[in-house]
C-alpha atoms as a PDB file:
ATOM      1  CA  UNK A   1     -19.453-103.418 -23.555  1.00  0.00           C
ATOM      2  CA  UNK A   2     -22.563-101.896 -25.350  1.00  0.00           C
ATOM      3  CA  UNK A   3     -23.128 -98.288 -24.826  1.00  0.00           C
ATOM      4  CA  UNK A   4     -26.626 -96.039 -24.589  1.00  0.00           C
ATOM      5  CA  UNK A   5     -26.224 -95.488 -28.116  1.00  0.00           C
ATOM      6  CA  UNK A   6     -26.518 -99.165 -29.146  1.00  0.00           C
ATOM      7  CA  UNK A   7     -29.703 -99.732 -27.019  1.00  0.00           C
ATOM      8  CA  UNK A   8     -32.959 -99.428 -28.958  1.00  0.00           C
ATOM      9  CA  UNK A   9     -35.561 -96.962 -27.112  1.00  0.00           C
ATOM     10  CA  UNK A  10     -39.148 -98.139 -27.300  1.00  0.00           C
ATOM     11  CA  UNK A  11     -41.510 -95.292 -26.280  1.00  0.00           C
ATOM     12  CA  UNK A  12     -44.798 -96.605 -24.627  1.00  0.00           C
ATOM     13  CA  UNK A  13     -47.738 -95.147 -22.918  1.00  0.00           C
ATOM     14  CA  UNK A  14     -46.949 -94.487 -19.268  1.00  0.00           C
ATOM     15  CA  UNK A  15     -50.416 -94.967 -17.755  1.00  0.00           C
ATOM     16  CA  UNK A  16     -53.531 -95.650 -19.676  1.00  0.00           C
ATOM     17  CA  UNK A  17     -55.481 -98.054 -21.838  1.00  0.00           C
ATOM     18  CA  UNK A  18     -52.600 -98.996 -24.147  1.00  0.00           C
ATOM     19  CA  UNK A  19     -49.614 -99.614 -21.276  1.00  0.00           C
ATOM     20  CA  UNK A  20     -50.495-103.277 -20.258  1.00  0.00           C
ATOM     21  CA  UNK A  21     -51.295-104.221 -23.352  1.00  0.00           C
ATOM     22  CA  UNK A  22     -48.118-102.833 -24.861  1.00  0.00           C
ATOM     23  CA  UNK A  23     -45.744-104.215 -22.271  1.00  0.00           C
ATOM     24  CA  UNK A  24     -47.479-107.683 -22.500  1.00  0.00           C
ATOM     25  CA  UNK A  25     -46.981-107.666 -26.460  1.00  0.00           C
ATOM     26  CA  UNK A  26     -43.269-106.919 -25.867  1.00  0.00           C
ATOM     27  CA  UNK A  27     -42.715-109.466 -23.361  1.00  0.00           C
ATOM     28  CA  UNK A  28     -44.322-111.824 -25.786  1.00  0.00           C
ATOM     29  CA  UNK A  29     -41.434-111.242 -28.149  1.00  0.00           C
ATOM     30  CA  UNK A  30     -39.046-112.585 -25.669  1.00  0.00           C
ATOM     31  CA  UNK A  31     -38.184-109.215 -23.948  1.00  0.00           C
ATOM     32  CA  UNK A  32     -37.468-109.723 -20.269  1.00  0.00           C
ATOM     33  CA  UNK A  33     -38.059-106.069 -18.542  1.00  0.00           C
ATOM     34  CA  UNK A  34     -36.983-104.603 -15.199  1.00  0.00           C
ATOM     35  CA  UNK A  35     -38.676-101.273 -14.131  1.00  0.00           C
ATOM     36  CA  UNK A  36     -36.302 -98.603 -12.757  1.00  0.00           C
ATOM     37  CA  UNK A  37     -36.810 -97.267  -9.263  1.00  0.00           C
ATOM     38  CA  UNK A  38     -38.768 -94.292 -10.607  1.00  0.00           C
ATOM     39  CA  UNK A  39     -41.110 -96.223 -12.814  1.00  0.00           C
ATOM     40  CA  UNK A  40     -40.231 -94.201 -15.955  1.00  0.00           C
ATOM     41  CA  UNK A  41     -37.718 -97.097 -17.540  1.00  0.00           C
ATOM     42  CA  UNK A  42     -38.041-100.605 -17.965  1.00  0.00           C
ATOM     43  CA  UNK A  43     -34.616-102.094 -18.764  1.00  0.00           C
ATOM     44  CA  UNK A  44     -34.411-105.254 -20.993  1.00  0.00           C
ATOM     45  CA  UNK A  45     -32.238-107.835 -19.138  1.00  0.00           C
ATOM     46  CA  UNK A  46     -31.844-110.494 -22.209  1.00  0.00           C
ATOM     47  CA  UNK A  47     -31.763-107.631 -25.000  1.00  0.00           C
ATOM     48  CA  UNK A  48     -30.124-104.293 -25.390  1.00  0.00           C
ATOM     49  CA  UNK A  49     -33.605-102.766 -25.590  1.00  0.00           C
ATOM     50  CA  UNK A  50     -35.328-100.153 -23.135  1.00  0.00           C
ATOM     51  CA  UNK A  51     -38.577 -98.977 -22.823  1.00  0.00           C
ATOM     52  CA  UNK A  52     -39.517 -95.395 -21.938  1.00  0.00           C
ATOM     53  CA  UNK A  53     -42.889 -94.624 -20.102  1.00  0.00           C
ATOM     54  CA  UNK A  54     -44.034 -91.293 -21.172  1.00  0.00           C
ATOM     55  CA  UNK A  55     -47.387 -89.570 -22.154  1.00  0.00           C
ATOM     56  CA  UNK A  56     -49.012 -90.829 -25.341  1.00  0.00           C
ATOM     57  CA  UNK A  57     -49.085 -87.397 -26.736  1.00  0.00           C
ATOM     58  CA  UNK A  58     -45.229 -87.198 -26.388  1.00  0.00           C
ATOM     59  CA  UNK A  59     -44.529 -90.717 -28.327  1.00  0.00           C
ATOM     60  CA  UNK A  60     -44.792 -89.438 -31.961  1.00  0.00           C
ATOM     61  CA  UNK A  61     -42.445 -86.651 -31.127  1.00  0.00           C
ATOM     62  CA  UNK A  62     -39.823 -88.767 -29.248  1.00  0.00           C
ATOM     63  CA  UNK A  63     -39.708 -91.176 -32.161  1.00  0.00           C
ATOM     64  CA  UNK A  64     -39.892 -88.327 -34.930  1.00  0.00           C
ATOM     65  CA  UNK A  65     -36.955 -86.465 -33.164  1.00  0.00           C
ATOM     66  CA  UNK A  66     -34.996 -89.735 -33.133  1.00  0.00           C
ATOM     67  CA  UNK A  67     -35.093 -89.992 -28.939  1.00  0.00           C
ATOM     68  CA  UNK A  68     -36.656 -93.395 -29.322  1.00  0.00           C
ATOM     69  CA  UNK A  69     -36.409 -95.785 -32.434  1.00  0.00           C
ATOM     70  CA  UNK A  70     -39.964 -97.379 -31.977  1.00  0.00           C
ATOM     71  CA  UNK A  71     -43.110 -96.273 -30.320  1.00  0.00           C
ATOM     72  CA  UNK A  72     -46.357 -97.617 -29.542  1.00  0.00           C
ATOM     73  CA  UNK A  73     -49.604 -95.278 -29.282  1.00  0.00           C
ATOM     74  CA  UNK A  74     -52.904 -94.650 -30.487  1.00  0.00           C
ATOM     75  CA  UNK A  75     -53.313 -94.168 -34.363  1.00  0.00           C
ATOM     76  CA  UNK A  76     -55.728 -91.087 -33.096  1.00  0.00           C
ATOM     77  CA  UNK A  77     -52.353 -89.555 -31.528  1.00  0.00           C
ATOM     78  CA  UNK A  78     -50.166 -90.425 -34.616  1.00  0.00           C
ATOM     79  CA  UNK A  79     -52.432 -88.688 -37.042  1.00  0.00           C
ATOM     80  CA  UNK A  80     -53.109 -85.666 -34.819  1.00  0.00           C
ATOM     81  CA  UNK A  81     -49.522 -84.787 -34.512  1.00  0.00           C
ATOM     82  CA  UNK A  82     -48.739 -85.877 -38.221  1.00  0.00           C
ATOM     83  CA  UNK A  83     -51.441 -83.082 -39.012  1.00  0.00           C
ATOM     84  CA  UNK A  84     -49.849 -80.618 -36.584  1.00  0.00           C
ATOM     85  CA  UNK A  85     -46.363 -81.088 -38.274  1.00  0.00           C
ATOM     86  CA  UNK A  86     -47.374 -80.586 -41.687  1.00  0.00           C
ATOM     87  CA  UNK A  87     -49.514 -77.264 -40.327  1.00  0.00           C
ATOM     88  CA  UNK A  88     -46.182 -76.248 -38.969  1.00  0.00           C
ATOM     89  CA  UNK A  89     -44.231 -76.723 -42.196  1.00  0.00           C
ATOM     90  CA  UNK A  90     -42.365 -79.429 -40.646  1.00  0.00           C
ATOM     91  CA  UNK A  91     -41.414 -82.991 -42.193  1.00  0.00           C
ATOM     92  CA  UNK A  92     -43.218 -86.310 -40.445  1.00  0.00           C
ATOM     93  CA  UNK A  93     -40.263 -88.124 -39.650  1.00  0.00           C
ATOM     94  CA  UNK A  94     -41.802 -91.231 -38.193  1.00  0.00           C
ATOM     95  CA  UNK A  95     -43.896 -93.936 -40.204  1.00  0.00           C
ATOM     96  CA  UNK A  96     -46.345 -96.259 -39.164  1.00  0.00           C
ATOM     97  CA  UNK A  97     -45.207 -99.809 -39.421  1.00  0.00           C
ATOM     98  CA  UNK A  98     -47.916-102.056 -37.692  1.00  0.00           C
ATOM     99  CA  UNK A  99     -51.578-102.213 -36.663  1.00  0.00           C
ATOM    100  CA  UNK A 100     -51.833-103.904 -33.152  1.00  0.00           C
ATOM    101  CA  UNK A 101     -55.375-104.636 -32.805  1.00  0.00           C
ATOM    102  CA  UNK A 102     -56.127-103.494 -29.333  1.00  0.00           C
ATOM    103  CA  UNK A 103     -56.977-100.166 -27.994  1.00  0.00           C
ATOM    104  CA  UNK A 104     -59.868 -99.912 -30.443  1.00  0.00           C
ATOM    105  CA  UNK A 105     -61.838 -96.412 -30.208  1.00  0.00           C
ATOM    106  CA  UNK A 106     -63.165 -93.566 -32.528  1.00  0.00           C
ATOM    107  CA  UNK A 107     -62.811 -90.248 -32.860  1.00  0.00           C
ATOM    108  CA  UNK A 108     -66.272 -88.860 -33.044  1.00  0.00           C
ATOM    109  CA  UNK A 109     -68.545 -85.620 -33.524  1.00  0.00           C
ATOM    110  CA  UNK A 110     -71.316 -85.491 -30.860  1.00  0.00           C
ATOM    111  CA  UNK A 111     -74.495 -83.233 -30.447  1.00  0.00           C
ATOM    112  CA  UNK A 112     -76.523 -82.614 -27.362  1.00  0.00           C
ATOM    113  CA  UNK A 113     -79.623 -84.795 -27.206  1.00  0.00           C
ATOM    114  CA  UNK A 114     -81.747 -81.504 -27.640  1.00  0.00           C
ATOM    115  CA  UNK A 115     -80.186 -80.390 -31.075  1.00  0.00           C
ATOM    116  CA  UNK A 116     -81.095 -81.927 -34.699  1.00  0.00           C
ATOM    117  CA  UNK A 117     -78.328 -82.967 -36.819  1.00  0.00           C
ATOM    118  CA  UNK A 118     -78.542 -83.536 -40.440  1.00  0.00           C
ATOM    119  CA  UNK A 119     -75.447 -84.185 -41.660  1.00  0.00           C
ATOM    120  CA  UNK A 120     -72.032 -82.145 -41.930  1.00  0.00           C
ATOM    121  CA  UNK A 121     -73.857 -79.304 -43.113  1.00  0.00           C
ATOM    122  CA  UNK A 122     -75.434 -78.699 -39.361  1.00  0.00           C
ATOM    123  CA  UNK A 123     -72.133 -77.823 -38.592  1.00  0.00           C
ATOM    124  CA  UNK A 124     -71.797 -74.537 -40.512  1.00  0.00           C
ATOM    125  CA  UNK A 125     -70.863 -71.509 -38.286  1.00  0.00           C
ATOM    126  CA  UNK A 126     -70.805 -73.162 -34.940  1.00  0.00           C
ATOM    127  CA  UNK A 127     -68.123 -73.981 -32.473  1.00  0.00           C
ATOM    128  CA  UNK A 128     -66.798 -77.826 -31.620  1.00  0.00           C
ATOM    129  CA  UNK A 129     -64.809 -78.382 -28.740  1.00  0.00           C
ATOM    130  CA  UNK A 130     -62.140 -80.715 -29.109  1.00  0.00           C
ATOM    131  CA  UNK A 131     -58.381 -81.774 -28.366  1.00  0.00           C
ATOM    132  CA  UNK A 132     -58.059 -82.914 -31.723  1.00  0.00           C
ATOM    133  CA  UNK A 133     -57.844 -79.668 -33.593  1.00  0.00           C
ATOM    134  CA  UNK A 134     -56.077 -81.161 -36.651  1.00  0.00           C
ATOM    135  CA  UNK A 135     -58.239 -84.150 -37.297  1.00  0.00           C
ATOM    136  CA  UNK A 136     -61.239 -81.890 -36.930  1.00  0.00           C
ATOM    137  CA  UNK A 137     -60.161 -79.385 -39.035  1.00  0.00           C
ATOM    138  CA  UNK A 138     -59.308 -81.738 -41.727  1.00  0.00           C
ATOM    139  CA  UNK A 139     -62.926 -83.005 -41.553  1.00  0.00           C
ATOM    140  CA  UNK A 140     -64.296 -79.664 -41.712  1.00  0.00           C
ATOM    141  CA  UNK A 141     -61.932 -78.857 -44.529  1.00  0.00           C
ATOM    142  CA  UNK A 142     -63.067 -81.920 -46.755  1.00  0.00           C
ATOM    143  CA  UNK A 143     -66.463 -81.179 -46.363  1.00  0.00           C
ATOM    144  CA  UNK A 144     -66.302 -77.582 -47.155  1.00  0.00           C
ATOM    145  CA  UNK A 145     -67.573 -76.251 -43.501  1.00  0.00           C
ATOM    146  CA  UNK A 146     -66.839 -73.075 -41.563  1.00  0.00           C
ATOM    147  CA  UNK A 147     -66.901 -73.765 -38.045  1.00  0.00           C
ATOM    148  CA  UNK A 148     -64.856 -73.125 -35.209  1.00  0.00           C
ATOM    149  CA  UNK A 149     -62.473 -75.670 -33.367  1.00  0.00           C
ATOM    150  CA  UNK A 150     -62.284 -74.732 -29.897  1.00  0.00           C
ATOM    151  CA  UNK A 151     -59.465 -76.431 -28.120  1.00  0.00           C
ATOM    152  CA  UNK A 152     -60.219 -78.506 -24.894  1.00  0.00           C
ATOM    153  CA  UNK A 153     -57.619 -80.235 -23.154  1.00  0.00           C
ATOM    154  CA  UNK A 154     -59.933 -82.444 -21.188  1.00  0.00           C
ATOM    155  CA  UNK A 155     -63.473 -82.946 -20.157  1.00  0.00           C
ATOM    156  CA  UNK A 156     -64.517 -82.077 -23.521  1.00  0.00           C
ATOM    157  CA  UNK A 157     -67.992 -83.525 -23.052  1.00  0.00           C
ATOM    158  CA  UNK A 158     -68.945 -80.580 -20.461  1.00  0.00           C
ATOM    159  CA  UNK A 159     -68.333 -77.699 -23.263  1.00  0.00           C
ATOM    160  CA  UNK A 160     -72.028 -77.649 -24.451  1.00  0.00           C
ATOM    161  CA  UNK A 161     -73.219 -77.354 -20.967  1.00  0.00           C
ATOM    162  CA  UNK A 162     -70.984 -74.390 -20.407  1.00  0.00           C
ATOM    163  CA  UNK A 163     -71.792 -72.614 -23.277  1.00  0.00           C
ATOM    164  CA  UNK A 164     -68.413 -72.795 -25.181  1.00  0.00           C
ATOM    165  CA  UNK A 165     -69.582 -75.158 -27.919  1.00  0.00           C
ATOM    166  CA  UNK A 166     -72.709 -76.287 -29.712  1.00  0.00           C
ATOM    167  CA  UNK A 167     -70.804 -79.878 -30.506  1.00  0.00           C
ATOM    168  CA  UNK A 168     -67.783 -81.894 -29.345  1.00  0.00           C
ATOM    169  CA  UNK A 169     -65.037 -83.982 -30.806  1.00  0.00           C
ATOM    170  CA  UNK A 170     -63.946 -86.732 -28.835  1.00  0.00           C
ATOM    171  CA  UNK A 171     -62.647 -90.190 -28.399  1.00  0.00           C
ATOM    172  CA  UNK A 172     -65.517 -92.415 -27.812  1.00  0.00           C
ATOM    173  CA  UNK A 173     -65.195 -96.289 -26.616  1.00  0.00           C
ATOM    174  CA  UNK A 174     -68.590 -97.372 -25.421  1.00  0.00           C
ATOM    175  CA  UNK A 175     -70.294 -94.146 -25.795  1.00  0.00           C
ATOM    176  CA  UNK A 176     -71.202 -94.245 -21.848  1.00  0.00           C
ATOM    177  CA  UNK A 177     -69.628 -90.921 -21.037  1.00  0.00           C
ATOM    178  CA  UNK A 178     -71.505 -89.112 -23.938  1.00  0.00           C
ATOM    179  CA  UNK A 179     -74.850 -90.711 -22.722  1.00  0.00           C
ATOM    180  CA  UNK A 180     -74.366 -89.597 -19.235  1.00  0.00           C
ATOM    181  CA  UNK A 181     -73.697 -86.141 -20.613  1.00  0.00           C
ATOM    182  CA  UNK A 182     -76.812 -85.891 -22.574  1.00  0.00           C
ATOM    183  CA  UNK A 183     -74.781 -86.205 -26.022  1.00  0.00           C
ATOM    184  CA  UNK A 184     -74.882 -88.859 -28.975  1.00  0.00           C
ATOM    185  CA  UNK A 185     -72.414 -89.660 -31.739  1.00  0.00           C
ATOM    186  CA  UNK A 186     -73.199 -88.055 -35.111  1.00  0.00           C
ATOM    187  CA  UNK A 187     -70.086 -88.661 -37.196  1.00  0.00           C
ATOM    188  CA  UNK A 188     -67.091 -90.663 -37.024  1.00  0.00           C
ATOM    189  CA  UNK A 189     -63.805 -89.147 -38.124  1.00  0.00           C
ATOM    190  CA  UNK A 190     -61.422 -91.795 -37.521  1.00  0.00           C
ATOM    191  CA  UNK A 191     -61.237 -95.405 -36.148  1.00  0.00           C
ATOM    192  CA  UNK A 192     -58.350 -95.767 -34.038  1.00  0.00           C
ATOM    193  CA  UNK A 193     -56.301 -98.519 -32.417  1.00  0.00           C
ATOM    194  CA  UNK A 194     -52.709 -99.215 -31.044  1.00  0.00           C
ATOM    195  CA  UNK A 195     -50.033 -99.031 -33.624  1.00  0.00           C
ATOM    196  CA  UNK A 196     -46.223 -99.001 -34.025  1.00  0.00           C
ATOM    197  CA  UNK A 197     -44.342 -96.242 -35.498  1.00  0.00           C
ATOM    198  CA  UNK A 198     -40.795 -96.322 -36.347  1.00  0.00           C
ATOM    199  CA  UNK A 199     -38.216 -93.327 -36.934  1.00  0.00           C
ATOM    200  CA  UNK A 200     -37.370 -92.502 -40.330  1.00  0.00           C
ATOM    201  CA  UNK A 201     -33.710 -91.548 -39.703  1.00  0.00           C
ATOM    202  CA  UNK A 202     -31.216 -93.987 -40.413  1.00  0.00           C
ATOM    203  CA  UNK A 203     -29.888 -96.157 -37.902  1.00  0.00           C
ATOM    204  CA  UNK A 204     -26.619 -98.042 -37.678  1.00  0.00           C
ATOM    205  CA  UNK A 205     -26.284-101.664 -38.953  1.00  0.00           C
ATOM    206  CA  UNK A 206     -26.367-103.212 -35.527  1.00  0.00           C
ATOM    207  CA  UNK A 207     -29.364-101.124 -34.139  1.00  0.00           C
ATOM    208  CA  UNK A 208     -31.513-101.686 -37.370  1.00  0.00           C
ATOM    209  CA  UNK A 209     -30.700-105.400 -37.383  1.00  0.00           C
ATOM    210  CA  UNK A 210     -32.137-105.415 -33.751  1.00  0.00           C
ATOM    211  CA  UNK A 211     -35.144-103.294 -34.767  1.00  0.00           C
ATOM    212  CA  UNK A 212     -35.534-105.650 -37.761  1.00  0.00           C
ATOM    213  CA  UNK A 213     -35.590-108.629 -35.340  1.00  0.00           C
ATOM    214  CA  UNK A 214     -38.083-106.900 -32.889  1.00  0.00           C
ATOM    215  CA  UNK A 215     -40.582-106.227 -35.863  1.00  0.00           C
ATOM    216  CA  UNK A 216     -40.220-109.695 -36.935  1.00  0.00           C
ATOM    217  CA  UNK A 217     -41.046-111.121 -33.756  1.00  0.00           C
ATOM    218  CA  UNK A 218     -43.971-108.610 -33.202  1.00  0.00           C
ATOM    219  CA  UNK A 219     -45.180-109.572 -36.751  1.00  0.00           C
ATOM    220  CA  UNK A 220     -45.118-113.411 -35.406  1.00  0.00           C
ATOM    221  CA  UNK A 221     -46.924-112.560 -32.439  1.00  0.00           C
ATOM    222  CA  UNK A 222     -49.644-110.722 -34.241  1.00  0.00           C
ATOM    223  CA  UNK A 223     -50.071-113.450 -37.207  1.00  0.00           C
ATOM    224  CA  UNK A 224     -51.330-115.929 -34.320  1.00  0.00           C
ATOM    225  CA  UNK A 225     -53.619-113.421 -32.478  1.00  0.00           C
ATOM    226  CA  UNK A 226     -56.556-115.844 -33.332  1.00  0.00           C
ATOM    227  CA  UNK A 227     -54.848-118.469 -34.609  1.00  0.00           C
ATOM    228  CA  UNK A 228     -55.410-122.275 -33.370  1.00  0.00           C
ATOM    229  CA  UNK A 229     -53.498-125.455 -34.306  1.00  0.00           C
ATOM    230  CA  UNK A 230     -56.187-128.361 -34.786  1.00  0.00           C
ATOM    231  CA  UNK A 231     -55.199-132.084 -34.848  1.00  0.00           C
ATOM    232  CA  UNK A 232     -57.817-134.640 -35.801  1.00  0.00           C
ATOM    233  CA  UNK A 233     -58.175-138.357 -37.464  1.00  0.00           C
ATOM    234  CA  UNK A 234     -60.223-138.326 -40.640  1.00  0.00           C
ATOM    235  CA  UNK A 235     -61.256-141.016 -43.085  1.00  0.00           C
ATOM    236  CA  UNK A 236     -59.512-140.513 -46.180  1.00  0.00           C
ATOM    237  CA  UNK A 237     -62.848-140.257 -48.127  1.00  0.00           C
ATOM    238  CA  UNK A 238     -63.859-137.173 -46.122  1.00  0.00           C
ATOM    239  CA  UNK A 239     -60.594-135.028 -46.674  1.00  0.00           C
ATOM    240  CA  UNK A 240     -62.053-132.868 -49.028  1.00  0.00           C
ATOM    241  CA  UNK A 241     -65.039-131.981 -47.016  1.00  0.00           C
ATOM    242  CA  UNK A 242     -62.771-131.605 -43.857  1.00  0.00           C
ATOM    243  CA  UNK A 243     -60.449-129.227 -45.468  1.00  0.00           C
ATOM    244  CA  UNK A 244     -62.979-127.054 -46.811  1.00  0.00           C
ATOM    245  CA  UNK A 245     -64.312-126.681 -42.901  1.00  0.00           C
ATOM    246  CA  UNK A 246     -61.104-125.915 -41.313  1.00  0.00           C
ATOM    247  CA  UNK A 247     -61.473-121.869 -40.911  1.00  0.00           C
ATOM    248  CA  UNK A 248     -58.386-119.633 -42.415  1.00  0.00           C
ATOM    249  CA  UNK A 249     -56.302-122.496 -42.943  1.00  0.00           C
ATOM    250  CA  UNK A 250     -53.427-123.336 -45.452  1.00  0.00           C
ATOM    251  CA  UNK A 251     -52.790-126.731 -47.028  1.00  0.00           C
ATOM    252  CA  UNK A 252     -53.113-128.916 -43.933  1.00  0.00           C
ATOM    253  CA  UNK A 253     -50.586-131.691 -43.105  1.00  0.00           C
ATOM    254  CA  UNK A 254     -52.117-135.010 -43.562  1.00  0.00           C
ATOM    255  CA  UNK A 255     -50.107-138.151 -42.059  1.00  0.00           C
ATOM    256  CA  UNK A 256     -50.512-141.805 -42.082  1.00  0.00           C
ATOM    257  CA  UNK A 257     -51.948-143.488 -39.107  1.00  0.00           C
ATOM    258  CA  UNK A 258     -50.075-146.549 -37.983  1.00  0.00           C
ATOM    259  CA  UNK A 259     -52.496-149.825 -38.743  1.00  0.00           C
ATOM    260  CA  UNK A 260     -54.986-147.897 -40.420  1.00  0.00           C
ATOM    261  CA  UNK A 261     -55.334-147.907 -44.384  1.00  0.00           C
ATOM    262  CA  UNK A 262     -58.505-145.728 -44.530  1.00  0.00           C
ATOM    263  CA  UNK A 263     -57.843-143.215 -41.767  1.00  0.00           C
ATOM    264  CA  UNK A 264     -55.146-140.357 -41.506  1.00  0.00           C
ATOM    265  CA  UNK A 265     -54.299-137.690 -39.181  1.00  0.00           C
ATOM    266  CA  UNK A 266     -54.802-134.039 -40.076  1.00  0.00           C
ATOM    267  CA  UNK A 267     -52.577-131.081 -38.540  1.00  0.00           C
ATOM    268  CA  UNK A 268     -53.859-127.526 -39.412  1.00  0.00           C
ATOM    269  CA  UNK A 269     -52.916-123.877 -38.343  1.00  0.00           C
ATOM    270  CA  UNK A 270     -56.215-122.039 -38.416  1.00  0.00           C
ATOM    271  CA  UNK A 271     -55.807-118.252 -38.774  1.00  0.00           C
ATOM    272  CA  UNK A 272     -59.515-117.798 -37.558  1.00  0.00           C
ATOM    273  CA  UNK A 273     -61.484-118.388 -34.287  1.00  0.00           C
ATOM    274  CA  UNK A 274     -62.231-122.012 -34.192  1.00  0.00           C
ATOM    275  CA  UNK A 275     -65.912-122.263 -32.691  1.00  0.00           C
ATOM    276  CA  UNK A 276     -67.695-125.138 -31.154  1.00  0.00           C
ATOM    277  CA  UNK A 277     -69.737-125.175 -34.434  1.00  0.00           C
ATOM    278  CA  UNK A 278     -66.744-125.527 -36.343  1.00  0.00           C
ATOM    279  CA  UNK A 279     -65.744-128.794 -34.397  1.00  0.00           C
ATOM    280  CA  UNK A 280     -69.396-130.063 -34.471  1.00  0.00           C
ATOM    281  CA  UNK A 281     -69.370-129.634 -38.480  1.00  0.00           C
ATOM    282  CA  UNK A 282     -65.735-131.380 -38.591  1.00  0.00           C
ATOM    283  CA  UNK A 283     -67.223-134.129 -36.533  1.00  0.00           C
ATOM    284  CA  UNK A 284     -70.434-134.434 -38.759  1.00  0.00           C
ATOM    285  CA  UNK A 285     -68.061-134.656 -41.734  1.00  0.00           C
ATOM    286  CA  UNK A 286     -66.418-137.691 -40.079  1.00  0.00           C
ATOM    287  CA  UNK A 287     -63.551-136.262 -37.989  1.00  0.00           C
ATOM    288  CA  UNK A 288     -62.335-137.815 -34.663  1.00  0.00           C
ATOM    289  CA  UNK A 289     -60.059-137.199 -31.789  1.00  0.00           C
ATOM    290  CA  UNK A 290     -60.262-133.688 -32.486  1.00  0.00           C
ATOM    291  CA  UNK A 291     -57.708-131.312 -30.438  1.00  0.00           C
ATOM    292  CA  UNK A 292     -57.537-127.718 -30.552  1.00  0.00           C
ATOM    293  CA  UNK A 293     -54.407-126.034 -29.141  1.00  0.00           C
ATOM    294  CA  UNK A 294     -53.549-122.176 -28.891  1.00  0.00           C
ATOM    295  CA  UNK A 295     -50.875-120.673 -31.046  1.00  0.00           C
ATOM    296  CA  UNK A 296     -48.304-118.605 -28.950  1.00  0.00           C
ATOM    297  CA  UNK A 297     -45.877-117.337 -31.846  1.00  0.00           C
ATOM    298  CA  UNK A 298     -45.011-118.293 -35.329  1.00  0.00           C
ATOM    299  CA  UNK A 299     -42.635-117.315 -38.174  1.00  0.00           C
ATOM    300  CA  UNK A 300     -43.309-117.764 -41.507  1.00  0.00           C
END
């Protein structure tokens, strides 16, 4: 019988823009989940893996302190926690292992519309409201700017109106909130997305094997995010042109067609989006019976 110590713990954002994507990703890796009554844990039914649903700010700490083996959170959170630990003289005991290509946003400096901004030097001797003090101070230090980072835990965009700061540094997705508060982006400090982090502390052989299996499956799912499987018929004389038109494809599989000496079947995995224009160009080159299928998962 397995013990709690033999189960993999994965920390995931409890509520927010990463939650549904994170759980969906793990389910696409073959994990069947059941939520606890308190909605704080998802138990793996078919694998010894549990999800802990927590605040995103807590995820790097839970992974770094070996409470959880893996975590999914924003790169902005990972980098801020890393800088905080380094400033406290503590080792960063987690590592980033995957970028997940969802949850895209950016950590940006924003100025009131009425303020003229002429580059980082405009920040000299100003106050900047932010909840990302570490990343902001790193930017200021890199640019040799003397400015004060004023910590705000939320609603950073109202700081200039309250007279607490001249600028703000906050996460931006669409920019709608900034515009509504009379602010505009002036600098990008970090482009962020969801990432997977892993504890750097040694695991037992069984747990490490399970972690490796999950990471391999994640890689298989991520590899085919935009991939499509294309099947078509083509004249042998047009093969070179058709191969060149297949987007992001490795060497396609070419098969003989029964009863035809001058045509073949071509099968290919294309690792880029297949647009209507692509199909039209293939047809113009002589392809026929074109079929495009989604690819759910793949192991190299």
